[in-house]
Amino acid sequence: MMLRFLNVQGIAGIAVSLCLGVLLIVQKSETRHWRKQSGQFEQLYRGEQAAFAGAVAKYRAAADAARAADKTAAERVIAEQRAISERSNDAFHHRLADARARAERLRPEAPIAAAATGSRGDAAMPALSAAAGRPSKAAAQDGLSPEDRLVATEQAIQLDELIKWTRRQASVDPNKN
């Protein structure tokens, strides 16, 4: 009975069936292989995504730390510059007051008035001689009145203090920790 089916068509059918069976087995093994590969690729992808997220988090943390450090440095620099400005302002006003006091003492009428009233307001003291008043008159002949000399002195003090202030401000290092 079996021999009846073993004609050319039967043999071709068996051969085709065997080939299809082999192809099915090969396809099943390839399916398992690619499923396994797909799982590995998915793990790699998830690992890379996690590493990327970690790197982004680290960069953000570093940027936040840098911003905080910059803010702290800026506040320190502002405080140092403010202190320099206050010290310079105080020195400027002190020097101006000294210059004005000296200018007041050097006025031609100031020593005469001070000498006339005495140191404690006692009896009048004799006035200065004409020779004592000559240096101030000679200085006035050089072209500057006492008021102009005071203004020039005040401007010189102002420029000097400005130069000192600028140098001190420039010496503040914003990158110093």
N, C-alpha and C. Protein backbone atom coordinates (compact mmCIF):
# COMPACT_ATOMS: atom_id res chain seq x y z
N MET A 1 0.78 -1.16 0.00
CA MET A 1 0.00 0.00 0.00
C MET A 1 0.86 1.27 0.00
N MET A 2 1.79 1.21 0.66
CA MET A 2 2.67 2.36 0.70
C MET A 2 3.35 2.58 -0.65
N LEU A 3 3.51 1.53 -1.31
CA LEU A 3 4.21 1.66 -2.57
C LEU A 3 3.33 2.40 -3.58
N ARG A 4 2.05 2.32 -3.38
CA ARG A 4 1.19 3.03 -4.30
C ARG A 4 1.42 4.53 -4.22
N PHE A 5 1.75 4.99 -3.08
CA PHE A 5 1.95 6.43 -2.90
C PHE A 5 3.37 6.86 -3.28
N LEU A 6 4.21 5.90 -3.59
CA LEU A 6 5.59 6.25 -3.87
C LEU A 6 5.83 6.53 -5.36
N ASN A 7 4.93 7.03 -5.97
CA ASN A 7 5.16 7.44 -7.35
C ASN A 7 5.86 8.79 -7.33
N VAL A 8 6.02 9.41 -8.45
CA VAL A 8 6.78 10.65 -8.56
C VAL A 8 6.09 11.76 -7.77
N GLN A 9 4.82 11.81 -7.85
CA GLN A 9 4.11 12.85 -7.12
C GLN A 9 4.19 12.60 -5.62
N GLY A 10 4.13 11.37 -5.20
CA GLY A 10 4.23 11.04 -3.79
C GLY A 10 5.60 11.37 -3.24
N ILE A 11 6.62 11.03 -4.00
CA ILE A 11 7.98 11.31 -3.55
C ILE A 11 8.18 12.84 -3.50
N ALA A 12 7.66 13.55 -4.46
CA ALA A 12 7.79 15.01 -4.47
C ALA A 12 7.05 15.59 -3.27
N GLY A 13 5.88 15.03 -2.95
CA GLY A 13 5.14 15.53 -1.80
C GLY A 13 5.88 15.31 -0.50
N ILE A 14 6.51 14.11 -0.38
CA ILE A 14 7.29 13.82 0.83
C ILE A 14 8.49 14.76 0.91
N ALA A 15 9.16 14.98 -0.21
CA ALA A 15 10.33 15.86 -0.22
C ALA A 15 9.93 17.29 0.14
N VAL A 16 8.83 17.74 -0.41
CA VAL A 16 8.37 19.09 -0.08
C VAL A 16 7.99 19.17 1.39
N SER A 17 7.35 18.12 1.91
CA SER A 17 6.98 18.10 3.33
C SER A 17 8.22 18.14 4.20
N LEU A 18 9.22 17.35 3.84
CA LEU A 18 10.47 17.36 4.63
C LEU A 18 11.14 18.74 4.55
N CYS A 19 11.16 19.33 3.38
CA CYS A 19 11.77 20.67 3.24
C CYS A 19 11.01 21.71 4.06
N LEU A 20 9.70 21.63 4.01
CA LEU A 20 8.91 22.56 4.81
C LEU A 20 9.13 22.34 6.30
N GLY A 21 9.27 21.08 6.72
CA GLY A 21 9.55 20.79 8.13
C GLY A 21 10.90 21.36 8.55
N VAL A 22 11.92 21.17 7.69
CA VAL A 22 13.25 21.72 7.99
C VAL A 22 13.18 23.25 8.04
N LEU A 23 12.48 23.84 7.10
CA LEU A 23 12.35 25.31 7.12
C LEU A 23 11.62 25.79 8.37
N LEU A 24 10.63 25.02 8.82
CA LEU A 24 9.92 25.39 10.05
C LEU A 24 10.84 25.33 11.25
N ILE A 25 11.67 24.29 11.32
CA ILE A 25 12.62 24.16 12.45
C ILE A 25 13.63 25.31 12.39
N VAL A 26 14.15 25.62 11.21
CA VAL A 26 15.11 26.72 11.07
C VAL A 26 14.46 28.05 11.46
N GLN A 27 13.24 28.24 11.02
CA GLN A 27 12.52 29.48 11.34
C GLN A 27 12.30 29.61 12.84
N LYS A 28 11.94 28.49 13.50
CA LYS A 28 11.75 28.52 14.96
C LYS A 28 13.05 28.90 15.66
N SER A 29 14.18 28.33 15.22
CA SER A 29 15.46 28.64 15.88
C SER A 29 15.85 30.09 15.63
N GLU A 30 15.61 30.60 14.43
CA GLU A 30 15.92 32.00 14.14
C GLU A 30 15.02 32.93 14.94
N THR A 31 13.77 32.55 15.13
CA THR A 31 12.86 33.36 15.92
C THR A 31 13.37 33.46 17.36
N ARG A 32 13.81 32.31 17.92
CA ARG A 32 14.36 32.34 19.29
C ARG A 32 15.62 33.20 19.34
N HIS A 33 16.47 33.06 18.33
CA HIS A 33 17.72 33.84 18.29
C HIS A 33 17.43 35.34 18.26
N TRP A 34 16.53 35.77 17.39
CA TRP A 34 16.25 37.20 17.27
C TRP A 34 15.46 37.73 18.46
N ARG A 35 14.65 36.86 19.07
CA ARG A 35 13.96 37.28 20.29
C ARG A 35 14.99 37.52 21.40
N LYS A 36 15.97 36.62 21.49
CA LYS A 36 17.04 36.77 22.47
C LYS A 36 17.85 38.03 22.17
N GLN A 37 18.20 38.24 20.89
CA GLN A 37 18.94 39.44 20.49
C GLN A 37 18.13 40.70 20.80
N SER A 38 16.86 40.67 20.54
CA SER A 38 15.99 41.81 20.80
C SER A 38 16.01 42.15 22.29
N GLY A 39 15.96 41.13 23.14
CA GLY A 39 16.03 41.36 24.59
C GLY A 39 17.35 42.00 24.98
N GLN A 40 18.45 41.52 24.38
CA GLN A 40 19.76 42.10 24.68
C GLN A 40 19.84 43.55 24.21
N PHE A 41 19.32 43.81 22.99
CA PHE A 41 19.33 45.18 22.49
C PHE A 41 18.47 46.09 23.35
N GLU A 42 17.36 45.56 23.83
CA GLU A 42 16.49 46.35 24.70
C GLU A 42 17.20 46.67 26.01
N GLN A 43 17.93 45.69 26.56
CA GLN A 43 18.70 45.94 27.79
C GLN A 43 19.78 46.99 27.54
N LEU A 44 20.47 46.87 26.41
CA LEU A 44 21.49 47.88 26.08
C LEU A 44 20.87 49.26 25.94
N TYR A 45 19.74 49.33 25.27
CA TYR A 45 19.06 50.61 25.09
C TYR A 45 18.65 51.20 26.43
N ARG A 46 18.07 50.39 27.29
CA ARG A 46 17.66 50.89 28.62
C ARG A 46 18.88 51.31 29.44
N GLY A 47 19.98 50.55 29.32
CA GLY A 47 21.21 50.92 30.02
C GLY A 47 21.76 52.26 29.54
N GLU A 48 21.75 52.46 28.22
CA GLU A 48 22.22 53.73 27.68
C GLU A 48 21.31 54.88 28.07
N GLN A 49 20.01 54.62 28.08
CA GLN A 49 19.07 55.67 28.51
C GLN A 49 19.30 56.03 29.97
N ALA A 50 19.55 55.03 30.81
CA ALA A 50 19.81 55.29 32.23
C ALA A 50 21.13 56.05 32.40
N ALA A 51 22.16 55.66 31.61
CA ALA A 51 23.44 56.36 31.69
C ALA A 51 23.29 57.80 31.22
N PHE A 52 22.52 58.01 30.17
CA PHE A 52 22.28 59.37 29.68
C PHE A 52 21.56 60.21 30.73
N ALA A 53 20.53 59.62 31.33
CA ALA A 53 19.79 60.34 32.37
C ALA A 53 20.70 60.67 33.55
N GLY A 54 21.58 59.73 33.91
CA GLY A 54 22.54 59.98 34.99
C GLY A 54 23.51 61.10 34.64
N ALA A 55 23.99 61.10 33.38
CA ALA A 55 24.92 62.15 32.95
C ALA A 55 24.22 63.51 32.96
N VAL A 56 22.98 63.54 32.48
CA VAL A 56 22.23 64.80 32.48
C VAL A 56 22.04 65.29 33.92
N ALA A 57 21.72 64.39 34.82
CA ALA A 57 21.54 64.78 36.22
C ALA A 57 22.85 65.31 36.81
N LYS A 58 23.98 64.66 36.47
CA LYS A 58 25.27 65.13 36.98
C LYS A 58 25.61 66.51 36.43
N TYR A 59 25.36 66.72 35.14
CA TYR A 59 25.65 68.02 34.55
C TYR A 59 24.75 69.10 35.15
N ARG A 60 23.51 68.77 35.39
CA ARG A 60 22.62 69.76 36.01
C ARG A 60 23.08 70.09 37.43
N ALA A 61 23.49 69.05 38.17
CA ALA A 61 23.98 69.29 39.53
C ALA A 61 25.25 70.14 39.49
N ALA A 62 26.13 69.84 38.54
CA ALA A 62 27.36 70.63 38.42
C ALA A 62 27.04 72.07 38.03
N ALA A 63 26.09 72.25 37.13
CA ALA A 63 25.70 73.62 36.73
C ALA A 63 25.09 74.36 37.91
N ASP A 64 24.26 73.68 38.69
CA ASP A 64 23.67 74.33 39.88
C ASP A 64 24.75 74.70 40.89
N ALA A 65 25.72 73.79 41.07
CA ALA A 65 26.82 74.08 42.00
C ALA A 65 27.64 75.26 41.50
N ALA A 66 27.88 75.30 40.18
CA ALA A 66 28.64 76.42 39.61
C ALA A 66 27.88 77.74 39.77
N ARG A 67 26.56 77.69 39.56
CA ARG A 67 25.76 78.91 39.74
C ARG A 67 25.82 79.37 41.20
N ALA A 68 25.73 78.43 42.12
CA ALA A 68 25.79 78.80 43.54
C ALA A 68 27.17 79.38 43.88
N ALA A 69 28.23 78.78 43.34
CA ALA A 69 29.58 79.29 43.60
C ALA A 69 29.75 80.68 42.98
N ASP A 70 29.20 80.88 41.78
CA ASP A 70 29.27 82.20 41.15
C ASP A 70 28.52 83.24 41.97
N LYS A 71 27.36 82.85 42.49
CA LYS A 71 26.57 83.79 43.29
C LYS A 71 27.32 84.15 44.57
N THR A 72 27.93 83.16 45.21
CA THR A 72 28.70 83.41 46.42
C THR A 72 29.89 84.31 46.12
N ALA A 73 30.58 84.03 45.02
CA ALA A 73 31.73 84.85 44.64
C ALA A 73 31.30 86.27 44.33
N ALA A 74 30.18 86.42 43.63
CA ALA A 74 29.68 87.75 43.30
C ALA A 74 29.32 88.53 44.57
N GLU A 75 28.69 87.86 45.52
CA GLU A 75 28.34 88.52 46.78
C GLU A 75 29.60 88.93 47.54
N ARG A 76 30.63 88.05 47.52
CA ARG A 76 31.89 88.37 48.19
C ARG A 76 32.55 89.58 47.53
N VAL A 77 32.58 89.58 46.19
CA VAL A 77 33.20 90.68 45.46
C VAL A 77 32.45 91.98 45.73
N ILE A 78 31.13 91.93 45.73
CA ILE A 78 30.33 93.13 46.00
C ILE A 78 30.63 93.65 47.41
N ALA A 79 30.72 92.74 48.38
CA ALA A 79 31.00 93.16 49.76
C ALA A 79 32.40 93.78 49.85
N GLU A 80 33.39 93.14 49.20
CA GLU A 80 34.75 93.70 49.23
C GLU A 80 34.78 95.07 48.56
N GLN A 81 34.13 95.20 47.42
CA GLN A 81 34.14 96.47 46.72
C GLN A 81 33.39 97.55 47.50
N ARG A 82 32.32 97.16 48.17
CA ARG A 82 31.59 98.12 48.99
C ARG A 82 32.48 98.60 50.15
N ALA A 83 33.21 97.66 50.78
CA ALA A 83 34.10 98.04 51.88
C ALA A 83 35.21 98.96 51.38
N ILE A 84 35.75 98.66 50.20
CA ILE A 84 36.78 99.52 49.62
C ILE A 84 36.22 100.91 49.36
N SER A 85 35.03 100.97 48.83
CA SER A 85 34.40 102.27 48.55
C SER A 85 34.18 103.06 49.83
N GLU A 86 33.72 102.39 50.88
CA GLU A 86 33.48 103.09 52.15
C GLU A 86 34.78 103.60 52.74
N ARG A 87 35.84 102.76 52.71
CA ARG A 87 37.13 103.20 53.25
C ARG A 87 37.67 104.38 52.43
N SER A 88 37.55 104.28 51.11
CA SER A 88 38.04 105.36 50.25
C SER A 88 37.25 106.65 50.49
N ASN A 89 35.96 106.51 50.64
CA ASN A 89 35.12 107.68 50.90
C ASN A 89 35.49 108.33 52.23
N ASP A 90 35.69 107.50 53.24
CA ASP A 90 36.09 108.04 54.55
C ASP A 90 37.44 108.74 54.46
N ALA A 91 38.40 108.10 53.77
CA ALA A 91 39.73 108.71 53.63
C ALA A 91 39.62 110.02 52.85
N PHE A 92 38.80 110.03 51.81
CA PHE A 92 38.61 111.24 51.01
C PHE A 92 38.07 112.38 51.86
N HIS A 93 37.03 112.11 52.62
CA HIS A 93 36.43 113.17 53.44
C HIS A 93 37.38 113.62 54.55
N HIS A 94 38.15 112.70 55.10
CA HIS A 94 39.12 113.05 56.14
C HIS A 94 40.21 113.96 55.55
N ARG A 95 40.71 113.59 54.38
CA ARG A 95 41.75 114.41 53.74
C ARG A 95 41.19 115.78 53.35
N LEU A 96 39.96 115.82 52.87
CA LEU A 96 39.36 117.11 52.53
C LEU A 96 39.22 117.99 53.77
N ALA A 97 38.78 117.39 54.86
CA ALA A 97 38.62 118.16 56.10
C ALA A 97 39.98 118.69 56.56
N ASP A 98 41.02 117.86 56.46
CA ASP A 98 42.36 118.32 56.84
C ASP A 98 42.82 119.46 55.94
N ALA A 99 42.61 119.33 54.65
CA ALA A 99 43.03 120.38 53.71
C ALA A 99 42.28 121.68 53.97
N ARG A 100 40.99 121.56 54.24
CA ARG A 100 40.20 122.77 54.52
C ARG A 100 40.65 123.43 55.83
N ALA A 101 40.97 122.61 56.84
CA ALA A 101 41.44 123.16 58.12
C ALA A 101 42.78 123.85 57.93
N ARG A 102 43.68 123.25 57.14
CA ARG A 102 44.96 123.90 56.88
C ARG A 102 44.77 125.19 56.09
N ALA A 103 43.87 125.14 55.12
CA ALA A 103 43.61 126.34 54.32
C ALA A 103 43.05 127.44 55.21
N GLU A 104 42.21 127.08 56.15
CA GLU A 104 41.64 128.07 57.07
C GLU A 104 42.74 128.67 57.95
N ARG A 105 43.68 127.84 58.41
CA ARG A 105 44.78 128.35 59.24
C ARG A 105 45.72 129.24 58.45
N LEU A 106 45.85 128.98 57.14
CA LEU A 106 46.78 129.75 56.32
C LEU A 106 46.18 131.02 55.75
N ARG A 107 44.93 131.24 55.95
CA ARG A 107 44.31 132.47 55.47
C ARG A 107 44.99 133.65 56.14
N PRO A 108 45.16 134.73 55.42
CA PRO A 108 45.88 135.87 55.99
C PRO A 108 45.15 136.45 57.20
N GLU A 109 43.85 136.47 57.22
CA GLU A 109 43.15 137.10 58.33
C GLU A 109 42.96 136.13 59.50
N ALA A 110 43.10 134.82 59.28
CA ALA A 110 42.86 133.85 60.34
C ALA A 110 43.91 133.95 61.44
N PRO A 111 45.23 133.99 61.14
CA PRO A 111 46.20 134.09 62.24
C PRO A 111 46.08 135.41 62.99
N ILE A 112 45.75 136.45 62.24
CA ILE A 112 45.64 137.77 62.90
C ILE A 112 44.45 137.74 63.84
N ALA A 113 43.33 137.19 63.41
CA ALA A 113 42.15 137.14 64.27
C ALA A 113 42.40 136.23 65.45
N ALA A 114 43.08 135.10 65.22
CA ALA A 114 43.36 134.19 66.33
C ALA A 114 44.33 134.83 67.30
N ALA A 115 45.30 135.55 66.80
CA ALA A 115 46.26 136.20 67.68
C ALA A 115 45.60 137.35 68.43
N ALA A 116 44.68 137.99 67.81
CA ALA A 116 44.03 139.14 68.45
C ALA A 116 43.14 138.70 69.59
N THR A 117 42.49 137.54 69.49
CA THR A 117 41.59 137.11 70.55
C THR A 117 42.30 136.30 71.60
N GLY A 118 43.45 135.75 71.31
CA GLY A 118 44.15 134.95 72.29
C GLY A 118 43.65 133.52 72.25
N SER A 119 44.37 132.63 72.90
CA SER A 119 44.03 131.22 72.83
C SER A 119 42.82 130.90 73.69
N ARG A 120 42.61 131.62 74.82
CA ARG A 120 41.48 131.32 75.69
C ARG A 120 40.44 132.43 75.66
N GLY A 121 40.59 133.35 74.79
CA GLY A 121 39.65 134.47 74.76
C GLY A 121 39.99 135.52 75.80
N ASP A 122 41.23 135.50 76.30
CA ASP A 122 41.66 136.50 77.29
C ASP A 122 41.90 137.83 76.59
N ALA A 123 42.73 138.61 77.20
CA ALA A 123 43.05 139.93 76.66
C ALA A 123 43.67 139.78 75.29
N ALA A 124 43.52 140.79 74.52
CA ALA A 124 44.01 140.75 73.14
C ALA A 124 45.51 140.65 73.11
N MET A 125 45.97 139.82 72.15
CA MET A 125 47.41 139.64 71.96
C MET A 125 47.84 140.60 70.86
N PRO A 126 49.10 140.94 70.84
CA PRO A 126 49.56 141.83 69.78
C PRO A 126 49.43 141.13 68.42
N ALA A 127 49.13 141.87 67.40
CA ALA A 127 48.95 141.33 66.06
C ALA A 127 50.29 140.98 65.45
N LEU A 128 50.25 140.16 64.40
CA LEU A 128 51.48 139.78 63.70
C LEU A 128 52.04 140.97 62.96
N SER A 129 53.32 140.92 62.80
CA SER A 129 53.96 142.01 62.06
C SER A 129 53.61 141.91 60.58
N ALA A 130 53.91 142.94 59.84
CA ALA A 130 53.62 142.96 58.41
C ALA A 130 54.45 141.92 57.69
N ALA A 131 55.64 141.60 58.21
CA ALA A 131 56.50 140.61 57.56
C ALA A 131 55.88 139.22 57.62
N ALA A 132 55.13 138.91 58.69
CA ALA A 132 54.52 137.59 58.82
C ALA A 132 53.40 137.39 57.81
N GLY A 133 52.78 138.44 57.36
CA GLY A 133 51.69 138.33 56.40
C GLY A 133 52.17 138.28 54.95
N ARG A 134 53.45 138.53 54.70
CA ARG A 134 53.96 138.59 53.34
C ARG A 134 53.93 137.26 52.58
N PRO A 135 54.26 136.10 53.16
CA PRO A 135 54.29 134.88 52.35
C PRO A 135 52.95 134.58 51.71
N SER A 136 51.86 134.82 52.42
CA SER A 136 50.56 134.53 51.82
C SER A 136 50.27 135.50 50.68
N LYS A 137 50.72 136.74 50.83
CA LYS A 137 50.51 137.70 49.75
C LYS A 137 51.37 137.33 48.56
N ALA A 138 52.58 136.84 48.79
CA ALA A 138 53.47 136.44 47.70
C ALA A 138 52.88 135.24 46.96
N ALA A 139 52.31 134.30 47.68
CA ALA A 139 51.71 133.13 47.04
C ALA A 139 50.50 133.55 46.21
N ALA A 140 49.77 134.52 46.68
CA ALA A 140 48.60 134.99 45.94
C ALA A 140 49.04 135.68 44.65
N GLN A 141 50.26 136.28 44.65
CA GLN A 141 50.74 136.93 43.45
C GLN A 141 51.13 135.91 42.38
N ASP A 142 51.33 134.62 42.74
CA ASP A 142 51.70 133.60 41.77
C ASP A 142 50.53 133.22 40.88
N GLY A 143 49.38 133.75 41.12
CA GLY A 143 48.27 133.54 40.21
C GLY A 143 47.08 132.83 40.81
N LEU A 144 47.16 132.26 41.97
CA LEU A 144 46.02 131.56 42.56
C LEU A 144 45.62 132.23 43.86
N SER A 145 44.36 132.50 43.95
CA SER A 145 43.85 133.06 45.20
C SER A 145 43.76 131.93 46.23
N PRO A 146 43.60 132.25 47.49
CA PRO A 146 43.48 131.19 48.49
C PRO A 146 42.31 130.25 48.20
N GLU A 147 41.22 130.79 47.68
CA GLU A 147 40.06 129.93 47.36
C GLU A 147 40.40 128.99 46.20
N ASP A 148 41.11 129.53 45.19
CA ASP A 148 41.48 128.70 44.05
C ASP A 148 42.48 127.61 44.46
N ARG A 149 43.40 127.98 45.37
CA ARG A 149 44.35 126.97 45.87
C ARG A 149 43.63 125.87 46.60
N LEU A 150 42.62 126.23 47.39
CA LEU A 150 41.84 125.23 48.11
C LEU A 150 41.11 124.33 47.13
N VAL A 151 40.51 124.92 46.09
CA VAL A 151 39.80 124.12 45.08
C VAL A 151 40.77 123.19 44.38
N ALA A 152 41.96 123.68 44.03
CA ALA A 152 42.96 122.84 43.36
C ALA A 152 43.40 121.70 44.28
N THR A 153 43.59 122.02 45.54
CA THR A 153 43.97 120.98 46.50
C THR A 153 42.87 119.94 46.64
N GLU A 154 41.63 120.40 46.72
CA GLU A 154 40.51 119.46 46.83
C GLU A 154 40.42 118.56 45.60
N GLN A 155 40.63 119.14 44.42
CA GLN A 155 40.59 118.33 43.21
C GLN A 155 41.74 117.34 43.14
N ALA A 156 42.91 117.76 43.60
CA ALA A 156 44.06 116.85 43.63
C ALA A 156 43.80 115.69 44.59
N ILE A 157 43.22 116.00 45.74
CA ILE A 157 42.87 114.95 46.70
C ILE A 157 41.83 114.01 46.09
N GLN A 158 40.85 114.60 45.43
CA GLN A 158 39.80 113.78 44.80
C GLN A 158 40.41 112.84 43.75
N LEU A 159 41.27 113.35 42.90
CA LEU A 159 41.91 112.51 41.88
C LEU A 159 42.79 111.44 42.51
N ASP A 160 43.53 111.82 43.53
CA ASP A 160 44.40 110.85 44.21
C ASP A 160 43.57 109.72 44.83
N GLU A 161 42.51 110.08 45.50
CA GLU A 161 41.65 109.05 46.11
C GLU A 161 40.95 108.20 45.05
N LEU A 162 40.60 108.81 43.92
CA LEU A 162 39.98 108.06 42.82
C LEU A 162 40.96 107.04 42.25
N ILE A 163 42.22 107.44 42.08
CA ILE A 163 43.24 106.51 41.60
C ILE A 163 43.42 105.36 42.59
N LYS A 164 43.52 105.68 43.85
CA LYS A 164 43.66 104.62 44.88
C LYS A 164 42.46 103.69 44.87
N TRP A 165 41.26 104.28 44.79
CA TRP A 165 40.03 103.48 44.77
C TRP A 165 40.02 102.55 43.57
N THR A 166 40.39 103.08 42.40
CA THR A 166 40.40 102.26 41.18
C THR A 166 41.38 101.11 41.31
N ARG A 167 42.54 101.36 41.83
CA ARG A 167 43.54 100.28 42.00
C ARG A 167 43.05 99.23 42.99
N ARG A 168 42.44 99.66 44.07
CA ARG A 168 41.92 98.70 45.05
C ARG A 168 40.78 97.89 44.45
N GLN A 169 39.90 98.55 43.70
CA GLN A 169 38.78 97.84 43.07
C GLN A 169 39.31 96.81 42.07
N ALA A 170 40.32 97.18 41.32
CA ALA A 170 40.90 96.27 40.32
C ALA A 170 41.62 95.11 40.98
N SER A 171 42.07 95.28 42.21
CA SER A 171 42.81 94.20 42.89
C SER A 171 41.89 93.13 43.44
N VAL A 172 40.58 93.37 43.45
CA VAL A 172 39.63 92.36 43.94
C VAL A 172 39.56 91.24 42.91
N ASP A 173 39.88 90.01 43.33
CA ASP A 173 39.88 88.86 42.44
C ASP A 173 38.53 88.15 42.51
N PRO A 174 37.74 88.19 41.43
CA PRO A 174 36.43 87.54 41.47
C PRO A 174 36.50 86.02 41.47
N ASN A 175 37.66 85.47 41.11
CA ASN A 175 37.79 84.01 41.03
C ASN A 175 38.39 83.40 42.28
N LYS A 176 38.76 84.23 43.25
CA LYS A 176 39.35 83.73 44.49
C LYS A 176 38.26 83.04 45.32
N ASN A 177 38.61 81.92 45.90
CA ASN A 177 37.63 81.19 46.73
C ASN A 177 37.58 81.71 48.10
